[in-house]
Amino acid sequence: MSRPELPSNISFDYGVASGDPLHDAVILWTRATPLDANPTGPIKITWELAEDAGFTRVLRAGTVETDLARDYTAKVDVHGLKPDTRYYYRFSGASEQSPVGRTKTLPEHGVDQVKLAIFSCSNYPAGYFNVYQLAAQADDWDAVLHLGDYIYEYGDGGYATQNAAKIGRALPQDNSGEILTLTDYRKRYALYRTDAGLQALHAAAPFIAVWDDHEVTNDTWKDGAENHSVDEGDFYSRRAAAVQAYYEWLPIRPPMGETNPQIYRSFQFGDLLDLHMLDTRVIGRDQQLQFANYMDEKGNFDTRAFSLDVASPSRTLLGEEQRKWLRKTLARSKSQWQVLGQQVLMGRMHLPVELMTSFYRGGDKNLTAELIGLKAASLRGEQLSEQQLQRLQNAVPYNLDAWDGYAVERETLYQQVREQGKNLVVVAGDTHNAWYNHLKDNDGRMVGLEFGTPSVTSPGMETYLKLDERSAKELAQGMSVLVDDLQYCNLHQRGFMALTFRRDGVEAEWKYIDNIDSTEFAEVDSHRVTHKLV
C-alpha cells in the first residue's frame, strides 16, 4: 500500500486516542500542534492503521485535514474492519510521527468474556493521573469506560487546588480562571492531555466516554447549574462551548452531530452484553433538590415536605426522549447482560436524618457509632425500643444529586427491567469513592447490581468529613451496616474499577494506588467481588 504524501509541519504534543469502537469501525484521534509561525488554511495529517505494532502490514492509510475552527484536533472514522480484532495506528506530519496507539473492535459473535476498565473524576490540580497509568500497564481491556468529569471547570484557588502549586500541578496563567468560553474549555482539555498517564491509557485501548457535570460546570441540569451565575453570561452559550470542546477533544462519534448535546448511545459486545451510555446531566435533568430548603432556623428537618417533593412523579434525570429511547433499546436487546454506563449512583442510599444533619454541621463520630450500633443490633434480631426504631427509620437520601433525588423515575426503570427479565448492571462515577450496591425496588425485590468507581484524583468522602484513614475505614464498614442495599464501599482511596463479564456472572475488582502527589506510585490495595447468575 502506497503511503500518502507527508503533510504539514506539526508536532503531536497530546498523543493519540481511539474510541467508540463498533464491530467493524473505530474512531482515531489526534491533535496537531502547528510548528510553522502563523499557519493559514487547513493542516494535513496522514494516518495509518496496521495489524502489527511495527506497521509491516498496513491495512488502511489516508489523509485528514484540520484547522483552527476545530482547535487542530482530527478524527478519522475507520470502517471495514474485522470484529474482535486488535489494531495499531499512528499519525504523521512532515517532520514528526505520533506515538503508536493500540485499539480494538467489538466482538460480533461467539464472545464469552468482556473486560472493561471504568474511570471517573480526574481533577488536574488535585494530583497526577497515576490511576490511568496503572490501567495502561494492562493489555487485555476490551474498552475503557469514562463516566465523566474528565476535566474540571474551576479556576486557581477553586475546588481541590490547595496543593497544586506544591506538587507542580498549578493551572497555567492563561487558563487559571474558571473556564467559560470555547477558548477556555479547549485550553483546559489541552492541559489535561499533557498528563503522561492519560496519554498512555488513551494509546492503550479504545475509550467509550460520556460527560458528567464538570465538563460544563458543577451540578449542571438542563437549564442551569450550581456553579453558573448571571454575571458569567448565558448558560446555554457556555454549555454549547463545553459540548463543542468535548466533541473536539474526545475520540467520540456524536450520535446527532458535533453541535447536538444528545450523547446517549449503545454498543453491542456480541450477544454477551449491550452497553447503554446515558446522559443524566445535560439534556433532561430537572434541577436538584437541596436539603437546606427543608431545614428551619433551628436545624430541624421537614421530613414530610421533603418526602412529598422527592416522590414527585414528574421529576426526571433522563428526560422523556432519552427515557423512551432506553425503554425501546432494552426491550429489543437479546444480550445476556444489560449495562448502563452513567454518572450518578442509582442504588438507594438512605441515612438517618439525625446523621445527615450532623454531617452538615461537620459530623459527630459518637452519633455515627451509636446509630451504626443500633442498626447492627436490629440486624442481629435484638429488640429495639420504639424510639430507637424511629431514629433508624426516619431516613433520607444522603445525595440528592443522584438517582435518590429522582426516585419515581428509578422505580419505573426497575419495573421494566424486572418485567422483561433483564440481567442489569449499572456503573457509576461522580462520588469519588467506590461502591457496590444491590439494586432493589420499593418492594425489596432484586433488580440488578451497581458498581461505582472511585476517582482518579478528586477527593472523596474522607476529605469532606475530615476523616483520617482509620476513621474512613470504620465509616465505610458502618455504611454497609446502615444502608440496607450497600454491600461494599471504600471512602478514602483513589483508583479505578475493572469489570469482567462472562456468561454465568460478573466480576468487579477495584484497584487502588498509594499516591497522586508525584508520578512515583504503586498499587497498594484491591477488592474483588463476584456475582454468579442463578
Protein backbone atom coordinates (compact mmCIF):
# COMPACT_ATOMS: atom_id res chain seq x y z
CA MET A 1 0.00 0.00 0.00
CA SER A 2 1.41 3.37 -1.02
CA ARG A 3 1.99 5.96 1.70
CA PRO A 4 0.09 9.25 1.32
CA GLU A 5 2.13 12.39 0.76
CA LEU A 6 3.53 13.78 4.00
CA PRO A 7 1.61 16.88 5.02
CA SER A 8 2.09 19.91 7.25
CA ASN A 9 4.88 20.66 9.69
CA ILE A 10 3.35 19.70 13.05
CA SER A 11 4.03 18.01 16.37
CA PHE A 12 1.85 15.62 18.38
CA ASP A 13 2.07 17.04 21.88
CA TYR A 14 -1.19 15.49 23.09
CA GLY A 15 -0.69 11.91 21.95
CA VAL A 16 -3.24 9.75 20.17
CA ALA A 17 -6.54 8.17 21.11
CA SER A 18 -9.23 5.87 19.79
CA GLY A 19 -12.84 5.45 20.76
CA ASP A 20 -16.46 4.49 20.11
CA PRO A 21 -15.48 1.08 18.70
CA LEU A 22 -18.00 -0.94 16.70
CA HIS A 23 -17.57 -4.47 15.39
CA ASP A 24 -16.33 -3.05 12.07
CA ALA A 25 -15.19 0.51 12.85
CA VAL A 26 -13.37 2.77 15.31
CA ILE A 27 -12.60 6.47 15.73
CA LEU A 28 -8.91 7.50 15.63
CA TRP A 29 -7.95 10.85 17.17
CA THR A 30 -5.02 13.21 17.47
CA ARG A 31 -4.31 16.89 17.86
CA ALA A 32 -1.76 18.66 15.66
CA THR A 33 0.36 21.49 17.04
CA PRO A 34 1.43 23.67 14.08
CA LEU A 35 5.19 24.30 14.03
CA ASP A 36 5.08 26.95 11.31
CA ALA A 37 4.53 30.50 12.52
CA ASN A 38 1.05 31.88 11.81
CA PRO A 39 -0.33 28.89 9.85
CA THR A 40 -3.00 29.70 7.30
CA GLY A 41 -5.57 27.34 5.86
CA PRO A 42 -6.09 23.70 6.74
CA ILE A 43 -3.41 21.42 8.15
CA LYS A 44 -2.99 17.95 6.66
CA ILE A 45 -2.12 14.87 8.68
CA THR A 46 -1.54 11.38 7.39
CA TRP A 47 -2.68 8.31 9.29
CA GLU A 48 -2.06 4.57 9.11
CA LEU A 49 -3.77 1.56 10.66
CA ALA A 50 -1.94 -1.77 10.74
CA GLU A 51 -2.21 -5.32 12.02
CA ASP A 52 1.13 -5.08 13.84
CA ALA A 53 2.96 -2.56 16.00
CA GLY A 54 5.81 -2.41 13.51
CA PHE A 55 3.45 -1.37 10.68
CA THR A 56 4.76 -4.03 8.31
CA ARG A 57 1.12 -4.94 7.48
CA VAL A 58 -0.65 -1.61 6.94
CA LEU A 59 -4.34 -2.11 6.17
CA ARG A 60 -5.63 1.45 5.86
CA ALA A 61 -3.98 4.81 5.28
CA GLY A 62 -5.10 8.26 4.32
CA THR A 63 -5.00 11.98 4.96
CA VAL A 64 -7.19 14.02 7.31
CA GLU A 65 -7.47 17.80 7.45
CA THR A 66 -8.00 20.04 10.45
CA ASP A 67 -7.81 23.76 11.18
CA LEU A 68 -8.22 26.38 13.86
CA ALA A 69 -12.00 26.01 13.76
CA ARG A 70 -11.56 22.51 15.21
CA ASP A 71 -8.71 23.55 17.51
CA TYR A 72 -6.45 21.48 15.24
CA THR A 73 -7.99 18.25 16.50
CA ALA A 74 -8.56 15.49 13.96
CA LYS A 75 -10.74 12.38 13.85
CA VAL A 76 -10.82 9.50 11.40
CA ASP A 77 -13.76 7.07 11.40
CA VAL A 78 -12.17 3.89 10.01
CA HIS A 79 -14.66 1.34 8.66
CA GLY A 80 -14.43 -2.10 7.08
CA LEU A 81 -12.52 -3.67 9.97
CA LYS A 82 -12.72 -7.18 11.38
CA PRO A 83 -14.66 -7.83 14.60
CA ASP A 84 -12.87 -8.50 17.89
CA THR A 85 -9.50 -7.58 16.40
CA ARG A 86 -6.61 -5.55 17.76
CA TYR A 87 -5.14 -2.87 15.50
CA TYR A 88 -2.31 -0.36 15.72
CA TYR A 89 -2.40 3.19 14.39
CA ARG A 90 -0.30 6.33 14.11
CA PHE A 91 -0.31 9.79 12.56
CA SER A 92 2.44 11.63 10.69
CA GLY A 93 3.40 15.19 9.86
CA ALA A 94 6.12 16.47 7.59
CA SER A 95 8.83 16.06 10.21
CA GLU A 96 7.35 14.14 13.12
CA GLN A 97 5.42 10.95 13.80
CA SER A 98 2.92 10.45 16.60
CA PRO A 99 3.17 7.77 19.27
CA VAL A 100 1.68 4.42 18.23
CA GLY A 101 -1.79 3.70 19.55
CA ARG A 102 -3.46 0.35 20.15
CA THR A 103 -7.17 -0.17 19.61
CA LYS A 104 -9.69 -2.95 19.27
CA THR A 105 -13.02 -3.55 17.55
CA LEU A 106 -16.01 -5.01 19.33
CA PRO A 107 -16.88 -8.70 19.01
CA GLU A 108 -19.81 -9.63 16.77
CA HIS A 109 -20.40 -13.31 17.57
CA GLY A 110 -19.30 -16.04 19.96
CA VAL A 111 -17.86 -13.88 22.74
CA ASP A 112 -17.62 -15.46 26.19
CA GLN A 113 -15.84 -12.68 28.10
CA VAL A 114 -15.64 -8.88 28.03
CA LYS A 115 -13.28 -6.88 30.25
CA LEU A 116 -13.87 -3.17 30.84
CA ALA A 117 -11.87 -0.55 32.76
CA ILE A 118 -14.04 2.11 34.44
CA PHE A 119 -12.94 5.65 35.39
CA SER A 120 -14.34 8.92 36.65
CA CYS A 121 -13.38 12.27 38.15
CA SER A 122 -9.86 13.30 37.16
CA ASN A 123 -9.03 16.74 38.56
CA TYR A 124 -5.67 18.03 37.26
CA PRO A 125 -4.73 20.35 40.18
CA ALA A 126 -5.64 17.64 42.71
CA GLY A 127 -2.86 15.33 41.56
CA TYR A 128 -1.22 13.21 38.88
CA PHE A 129 -3.28 10.78 36.84
CA ASN A 130 -1.40 7.72 38.07
CA VAL A 131 -4.60 5.69 38.05
CA TYR A 132 -4.70 5.94 34.26
CA GLN A 133 -1.04 4.93 34.13
CA LEU A 134 -1.74 1.82 36.22
CA ALA A 135 -4.55 0.71 33.91
CA ALA A 136 -2.40 1.36 30.82
CA GLN A 137 0.01 -1.32 32.02
CA ALA A 138 -2.57 -4.00 31.19
CA ASP A 139 -3.11 -5.06 27.60
CA ASP A 140 -6.37 -7.02 27.84
CA TRP A 141 -9.03 -4.29 28.00
CA ASP A 142 -11.85 -4.62 25.50
CA ALA A 143 -12.67 -0.97 26.16
CA VAL A 144 -12.23 1.85 28.65
CA LEU A 145 -15.40 3.46 30.02
CA HIS A 146 -15.01 7.04 31.17
CA LEU A 147 -18.10 8.12 33.10
CA GLY A 148 -17.38 11.82 33.21
CA ASP A 149 -15.61 14.66 34.99
CA TYR A 150 -12.80 14.16 32.51
CA ILE A 151 -11.95 17.81 33.22
CA TYR A 152 -12.95 20.30 35.91
CA GLU A 153 -14.01 23.88 35.27
CA TYR A 154 -12.73 25.61 38.41
CA GLY A 155 -10.01 28.24 38.44
CA ASP A 156 -6.92 28.69 40.59
CA GLY A 157 -7.95 28.65 44.24
CA GLY A 158 -11.09 26.66 43.48
CA TYR A 159 -12.06 23.10 44.31
CA ALA A 160 -9.17 20.72 45.09
CA THR A 161 -6.45 23.20 44.09
CA GLN A 162 -4.92 23.79 47.53
CA ASN A 163 -1.94 21.50 46.93
CA ALA A 164 -1.49 22.19 43.22
CA ALA A 165 1.48 24.56 43.30
CA LYS A 166 3.38 22.39 45.77
CA ILE A 167 3.15 19.27 43.60
CA GLY A 168 3.64 21.02 40.24
CA ARG A 169 0.02 20.91 39.07
CA ALA A 170 -0.93 24.59 39.18
CA LEU A 171 -3.13 25.86 36.37
CA PRO A 172 -1.20 27.89 33.76
CA GLN A 173 -1.63 31.64 33.80
CA ASP A 174 -3.56 31.74 30.52
CA ASN A 175 -6.12 29.22 31.83
CA SER A 176 -6.09 29.90 35.55
CA GLY A 177 -9.62 31.29 35.87
CA GLU A 178 -12.91 29.43 35.83
CA ILE A 179 -13.50 28.30 32.26
CA LEU A 180 -16.43 29.95 30.47
CA THR A 181 -15.65 30.32 26.76
CA LEU A 182 -14.79 27.91 23.97
CA THR A 183 -11.16 29.01 24.15
CA ASP A 184 -11.14 28.35 27.91
CA TYR A 185 -12.54 24.85 27.54
CA ARG A 186 -10.12 23.99 24.74
CA LYS A 187 -7.12 25.11 26.79
CA ARG A 188 -8.32 23.08 29.77
CA TYR A 189 -8.55 19.92 27.65
CA ALA A 190 -5.10 20.61 26.24
CA LEU A 191 -3.71 20.94 29.75
CA TYR A 192 -5.23 17.66 30.92
CA ARG A 193 -3.97 15.86 27.83
CA THR A 194 -0.37 16.71 28.74
CA ASP A 195 -0.59 14.20 31.59
CA ALA A 196 1.53 11.14 30.81
CA GLY A 197 -0.89 8.70 32.43
CA LEU A 198 -3.87 9.94 30.44
CA GLN A 199 -1.88 9.84 27.19
CA ALA A 200 -0.74 6.29 27.98
CA LEU A 201 -4.25 4.97 28.60
CA HIS A 202 -5.68 6.66 25.51
CA ALA A 203 -2.95 4.98 23.48
CA ALA A 204 -3.57 1.58 25.09
CA ALA A 205 -7.28 0.97 24.47
CA PRO A 206 -10.41 2.49 22.88
CA PHE A 207 -12.48 4.84 25.08
CA ILE A 208 -16.25 4.90 25.35
CA ALA A 209 -16.95 8.18 27.12
CA VAL A 210 -19.79 10.29 28.40
CA TRP A 211 -19.75 13.59 30.27
CA ASP A 212 -20.80 14.35 33.83
CA ASP A 213 -21.30 17.88 35.17
CA HIS A 214 -17.78 19.35 35.35
CA GLU A 215 -17.27 19.12 31.59
CA VAL A 216 -19.76 22.01 31.70
CA THR A 217 -19.86 23.23 35.32
CA ASN A 218 -20.71 21.87 38.76
CA ASP A 219 -24.18 20.38 39.32
CA THR A 220 -25.36 21.04 35.80
CA TRP A 221 -29.02 20.45 35.00
CA LYS A 222 -30.93 21.07 31.76
CA ASP A 223 -31.47 24.80 32.33
CA GLY A 224 -28.60 25.86 34.58
CA ALA A 225 -26.02 24.82 37.13
CA GLU A 226 -24.98 25.44 40.71
CA ASN A 227 -21.67 26.90 39.50
CA HIS A 228 -23.09 29.31 36.95
CA SER A 229 -24.27 32.79 37.79
CA VAL A 230 -25.92 35.55 35.77
CA ASP A 231 -22.70 37.57 35.62
CA GLU A 232 -20.99 34.64 33.86
CA GLY A 233 -23.14 35.07 30.77
CA ASP A 234 -25.75 32.93 29.09
CA PHE A 235 -25.77 29.35 30.41
CA TYR A 236 -26.75 27.78 27.08
CA SER A 237 -23.87 29.55 25.31
CA ARG A 238 -21.49 28.22 27.92
CA ARG A 239 -22.95 24.74 27.57
CA ALA A 240 -22.61 24.89 23.77
CA ALA A 241 -18.93 25.84 24.10
CA ALA A 242 -18.38 22.97 26.55
CA VAL A 243 -20.09 20.45 24.26
CA GLN A 244 -18.09 21.60 21.23
CA ALA A 245 -14.77 21.32 23.05
CA TYR A 246 -15.72 17.88 24.41
CA TYR A 247 -16.53 16.57 20.94
CA GLU A 248 -13.30 18.03 19.59
CA TRP A 249 -11.00 16.55 22.24
CA LEU A 250 -12.61 13.14 22.86
CA PRO A 251 -12.48 10.21 20.39
CA ILE A 252 -16.25 10.10 20.16
CA ARG A 253 -18.79 9.67 17.36
CA PRO A 254 -21.58 12.13 18.34
CA PRO A 255 -24.93 10.40 17.68
CA MET A 256 -26.64 13.54 16.33
CA GLY A 257 -23.66 15.54 15.08
CA GLU A 258 -20.92 17.71 16.52
CA THR A 259 -23.21 20.52 17.79
CA ASN A 260 -26.02 18.45 19.30
CA PRO A 261 -25.78 17.70 23.05
CA GLN A 262 -27.51 14.32 22.62
CA ILE A 263 -24.76 11.91 23.66
CA TYR A 264 -26.64 8.75 24.72
CA ARG A 265 -25.85 5.73 22.55
CA SER A 266 -25.37 1.92 22.68
CA PHE A 267 -22.55 -0.54 21.99
CA GLN A 268 -23.02 -4.25 21.40
CA PHE A 269 -20.38 -6.75 22.53
CA GLY A 270 -21.69 -9.73 20.56
CA ASP A 271 -24.62 -11.29 22.37
CA LEU A 272 -22.86 -11.19 25.74
CA LEU A 273 -23.63 -7.61 26.72
CA ASP A 274 -25.16 -4.40 25.45
CA LEU A 275 -23.71 -1.20 26.88
CA HIS A 276 -26.01 1.83 27.00
CA MET A 277 -24.24 5.11 27.74
CA LEU A 278 -26.66 7.57 29.34
CA ASP A 279 -26.71 11.32 29.98
CA THR A 280 -28.07 12.09 33.45
CA ARG A 281 -26.81 15.68 33.40
CA VAL A 282 -27.24 17.90 30.37
CA ILE A 283 -30.31 17.25 28.26
CA GLY A 284 -33.04 16.06 30.62
CA ARG A 285 -32.26 16.56 34.32
CA ASP A 286 -34.63 18.61 36.45
CA GLN A 287 -32.96 20.87 38.99
CA GLN A 288 -31.63 19.09 42.07
CA LEU A 289 -33.43 19.34 45.40
CA GLN A 290 -31.47 20.95 48.25
CA PHE A 291 -31.57 19.76 51.88
CA ALA A 292 -31.11 23.34 53.05
CA ASN A 293 -34.57 24.21 51.70
CA TYR A 294 -36.16 21.79 54.19
CA MET A 295 -34.37 22.90 57.34
CA ASP A 296 -35.65 25.64 59.64
CA GLU A 297 -33.58 28.17 61.56
CA LYS A 298 -33.15 25.72 64.46
CA GLY A 299 -31.83 22.98 62.19
CA ASN A 300 -34.99 20.85 62.23
CA PHE A 301 -35.67 18.90 59.05
CA ASP A 302 -39.15 18.93 57.45
CA THR A 303 -39.35 15.24 56.54
CA ARG A 304 -42.94 15.39 55.28
CA ALA A 305 -42.39 18.21 52.79
CA PHE A 306 -39.16 16.64 51.61
CA SER A 307 -40.79 13.22 51.12
CA LEU A 308 -43.57 14.72 49.02
CA ASP A 309 -41.15 16.58 46.76
CA VAL A 310 -38.70 13.73 46.24
CA ALA A 311 -41.60 11.37 45.39
CA SER A 312 -42.97 13.65 42.68
CA PRO A 313 -43.68 11.57 39.53
CA SER A 314 -42.68 14.47 37.28
CA ARG A 315 -39.04 14.62 38.40
CA THR A 316 -36.62 13.28 35.78
CA LEU A 317 -32.92 12.69 35.25
CA LEU A 318 -33.16 11.32 31.73
CA GLY A 319 -35.86 13.42 30.13
CA GLU A 320 -38.76 11.97 28.16
CA GLU A 321 -36.93 11.42 24.86
CA GLN A 322 -33.97 9.58 26.38
CA ARG A 323 -36.27 7.58 28.67
CA LYS A 324 -38.31 6.36 25.67
CA TRP A 325 -35.12 5.51 23.78
CA LEU A 326 -33.80 3.47 26.70
CA ARG A 327 -37.10 1.63 27.11
CA LYS A 328 -37.14 0.61 23.43
CA THR A 329 -33.45 -0.24 23.37
CA LEU A 330 -33.69 -2.51 26.42
CA ALA A 331 -36.81 -4.19 25.05
CA ARG A 332 -35.08 -5.03 21.74
CA SER A 333 -31.87 -6.36 23.23
CA LYS A 334 -31.30 -10.13 23.37
CA SER A 335 -27.88 -9.97 25.04
CA GLN A 336 -27.06 -11.76 28.28
CA TRP A 337 -26.25 -8.52 30.14
CA GLN A 338 -27.65 -5.01 30.01
CA VAL A 339 -25.10 -2.46 31.24
CA LEU A 340 -25.97 1.17 31.93
CA GLY A 341 -22.91 3.42 31.76
CA GLN A 342 -23.87 6.63 33.51
CA GLN A 343 -22.74 9.18 36.01
CA VAL A 344 -24.51 9.09 39.38
CA LEU A 345 -25.34 6.40 41.93
CA MET A 346 -28.59 4.56 41.28
CA GLY A 347 -28.77 2.48 44.46
CA ARG A 348 -30.92 3.56 47.39
CA MET A 349 -28.53 5.28 49.82
CA HIS A 350 -30.67 6.40 52.76
CA LEU A 351 -29.19 7.51 56.10
CA PRO A 352 -30.90 8.52 59.36
CA VAL A 353 -31.98 12.16 59.34
CA GLU A 354 -30.06 12.99 62.52
CA LEU A 355 -26.88 11.58 60.98
CA MET A 356 -27.39 13.67 57.84
CA THR A 357 -27.93 16.86 59.84
CA SER A 358 -24.79 16.11 61.87
CA PHE A 359 -22.79 15.73 58.64
CA TYR A 360 -23.93 19.18 57.56
CA ARG A 361 -22.67 20.54 60.89
CA GLY A 362 -19.28 18.89 60.50
CA GLY A 363 -20.01 15.36 61.71
CA ASP A 364 -20.30 13.64 65.06
CA LYS A 365 -18.28 10.43 65.44
CA ASN A 366 -20.10 9.39 68.61
CA LEU A 367 -23.51 9.79 66.98
CA THR A 368 -22.36 7.86 63.92
CA ALA A 369 -21.08 4.99 66.05
CA GLU A 370 -24.29 4.99 68.11
CA LEU A 371 -26.55 4.71 65.05
CA ILE A 372 -24.37 2.03 63.47
CA GLY A 373 -24.59 0.09 66.73
CA LEU A 374 -28.38 0.36 66.79
CA LYS A 375 -28.67 -0.85 63.21
CA ALA A 376 -26.28 -3.75 63.86
CA ALA A 377 -28.34 -4.74 66.89
CA SER A 378 -31.54 -4.74 64.84
CA LEU A 379 -29.90 -6.92 62.19
CA ARG A 380 -28.90 -9.40 64.92
CA GLY A 381 -32.57 -9.63 65.88
CA GLU A 382 -32.27 -7.70 69.15
CA GLN A 383 -35.40 -5.88 70.21
CA LEU A 384 -35.17 -2.09 69.98
CA SER A 385 -37.40 0.46 71.63
CA GLU A 386 -39.95 2.35 69.56
CA GLN A 387 -37.82 5.48 69.85
CA GLN A 388 -34.69 3.64 68.66
CA LEU A 389 -36.55 2.16 65.69
CA GLN A 390 -37.88 5.60 64.80
CA ARG A 391 -34.35 7.01 64.77
CA LEU A 392 -33.32 4.38 62.22
CA GLN A 393 -36.49 4.52 60.12
CA ASN A 394 -36.53 8.32 59.85
CA ALA A 395 -34.05 8.22 56.96
CA VAL A 396 -33.44 10.31 53.84
CA PRO A 397 -31.16 10.02 50.79
CA TYR A 398 -27.68 11.30 51.52
CA ASN A 399 -27.14 12.53 47.92
CA LEU A 400 -29.98 14.31 46.11
CA ASP A 401 -27.77 14.82 43.06
CA ALA A 402 -28.05 11.07 42.39
CA TRP A 403 -31.00 8.81 41.42
CA ASP A 404 -32.23 9.05 45.02
CA GLY A 405 -33.42 12.55 44.14
CA TYR A 406 -35.48 11.16 41.24
CA ALA A 407 -36.95 8.08 42.89
CA VAL A 408 -40.11 7.62 40.79
CA GLU A 409 -38.21 7.53 37.51
CA ARG A 410 -35.82 4.98 39.02
CA GLU A 411 -38.73 2.78 40.11
CA THR A 412 -40.21 2.94 36.60
CA LEU A 413 -36.91 1.72 35.16
CA TYR A 414 -36.71 -1.05 37.75
CA GLN A 415 -40.23 -2.19 36.82
CA GLN A 416 -39.32 -2.51 33.15
CA VAL A 417 -36.12 -4.42 33.89
CA ARG A 418 -37.94 -6.80 36.22
CA GLU A 419 -40.85 -7.40 33.84
CA GLN A 420 -38.50 -8.14 30.93
CA GLY A 421 -36.22 -10.39 32.97
CA LYS A 422 -33.05 -8.47 32.10
CA ASN A 423 -29.72 -9.05 33.82
CA LEU A 424 -28.93 -5.45 34.77
CA VAL A 425 -25.60 -3.94 35.79
CA VAL A 426 -25.27 -0.21 36.41
CA VAL A 427 -21.87 1.52 36.55
CA ALA A 428 -21.48 4.94 38.14
CA GLY A 429 -18.85 7.54 38.93
CA ASP A 430 -19.29 11.06 40.33
CA THR A 431 -18.92 10.39 44.09
CA HIS A 432 -15.10 9.91 44.08
CA ASN A 433 -15.50 6.73 46.13
CA ALA A 434 -16.05 3.02 45.41
CA TRP A 435 -19.46 1.38 45.88
CA TYR A 436 -21.19 -1.95 45.34
CA ASN A 437 -24.98 -1.90 45.67
CA HIS A 438 -27.76 -4.40 45.26
CA LEU A 439 -30.46 -2.63 43.27
CA LYS A 440 -33.88 -3.35 44.77
CA ASP A 441 -37.31 -1.97 44.00
CA ASN A 442 -39.71 -0.49 46.55
CA ASP A 443 -40.93 -3.98 47.44
CA GLY A 444 -37.42 -5.20 48.17
CA ARG A 445 -37.12 -7.34 45.02
CA MET A 446 -33.69 -7.66 43.46
CA VAL A 447 -33.45 -5.85 40.10
CA GLY A 448 -29.74 -5.66 39.39
CA LEU A 449 -26.26 -4.69 40.58
CA GLU A 450 -24.45 -1.38 40.75
CA PHE A 451 -20.69 -0.86 40.76
CA GLY A 452 -19.31 2.62 41.47
CA THR A 453 -15.77 3.54 40.52
CA PRO A 454 -13.53 5.70 42.72
CA SER A 455 -11.97 8.89 41.39
CA VAL A 456 -8.70 9.29 39.56
CA THR A 457 -7.67 12.26 41.73
CA SER A 458 -10.71 14.12 43.10
CA PRO A 459 -11.03 13.99 46.91
CA GLY A 460 -13.73 11.75 48.37
CA MET A 461 -15.83 11.49 51.49
CA GLU A 462 -12.75 11.24 53.69
CA THR A 463 -11.95 14.85 52.79
CA TYR A 464 -15.48 16.20 53.10
CA LEU A 465 -15.88 14.67 56.56
CA LYS A 466 -12.24 15.33 57.58
CA LEU A 467 -11.53 11.67 58.32
CA ASP A 468 -8.16 10.02 58.75
CA GLU A 469 -7.59 6.63 57.11
CA ARG A 470 -8.67 4.64 60.16
CA SER A 471 -11.87 6.65 60.62
CA ALA A 472 -12.68 6.41 56.91
CA LYS A 473 -12.35 2.62 57.05
CA GLU A 474 -14.57 2.45 60.11
CA LEU A 475 -17.21 4.63 58.48
CA ALA A 476 -17.09 2.51 55.31
CA GLN A 477 -17.80 -0.60 57.36
CA GLY A 478 -20.56 1.23 59.20
CA MET A 479 -22.14 2.50 55.99
CA SER A 480 -22.56 -1.10 54.84
CA VAL A 481 -24.49 -1.71 58.05
CA LEU A 482 -26.61 1.44 57.95
CA VAL A 483 -27.50 1.27 54.24
CA ASP A 484 -29.56 -1.86 53.57
CA ASP A 485 -28.59 -2.42 49.93
CA LEU A 486 -24.93 -1.39 50.20
CA GLN A 487 -22.54 -4.34 50.04
CA TYR A 488 -19.16 -2.57 49.94
CA CYS A 489 -17.65 0.88 49.85
CA ASN A 490 -14.22 2.50 50.07
CA LEU A 491 -14.22 6.10 51.27
CA HIS A 492 -10.56 7.11 51.21
CA GLN A 493 -8.56 5.80 48.22
CA ARG A 494 -8.11 6.82 44.60
CA GLY A 495 -8.29 4.15 41.93
CA PHE A 496 -10.32 2.55 39.18
CA MET A 497 -12.58 -0.43 38.62
CA ALA A 498 -12.32 -3.45 36.32
CA LEU A 499 -15.47 -5.35 35.31
CA THR A 500 -15.29 -8.76 33.68
CA PHE A 501 -18.49 -10.14 32.20
CA ARG A 502 -18.96 -13.82 31.47
CA ARG A 503 -21.95 -15.95 30.54
CA ASP A 504 -22.51 -17.07 34.12
CA GLY A 505 -21.64 -13.96 36.07
CA VAL A 506 -19.78 -10.69 36.52
CA GLU A 507 -16.64 -9.92 38.50
CA ALA A 508 -15.72 -6.46 39.81
CA GLU A 509 -12.26 -5.55 41.02
CA TRP A 510 -11.33 -2.18 42.48
CA LYS A 511 -7.64 -1.24 42.27
CA TYR A 512 -6.16 1.49 44.48
CA ILE A 513 -2.90 3.44 44.39
CA ASP A 514 -0.83 4.97 47.17
CA ASN A 515 -0.01 8.38 45.73
CA ILE A 516 -1.21 11.16 43.43
CA ASP A 517 1.24 13.85 44.60
CA SER A 518 4.03 12.68 42.27
CA THR A 519 4.41 10.34 39.31
CA GLU A 520 6.03 7.74 41.57
CA PHE A 521 3.27 5.41 42.72
CA ALA A 522 2.35 1.82 43.47
CA GLU A 523 -0.80 -0.27 43.52
CA VAL A 524 -1.41 -0.89 47.22
CA ASP A 525 -4.85 -2.41 47.64
CA SER A 526 -7.60 -4.14 45.74
CA HIS A 527 -11.02 -5.58 46.42
CA ARG A 528 -12.88 -8.15 44.35
CA VAL A 529 -16.45 -9.40 44.29
CA THR A 530 -18.09 -11.99 42.04
CA HIS A 531 -21.78 -12.32 41.31
CA LYS A 532 -22.99 -15.55 39.72
CA LEU A 533 -26.23 -15.82 37.80
CA VAL A 534 -28.67 -18.27 39.32
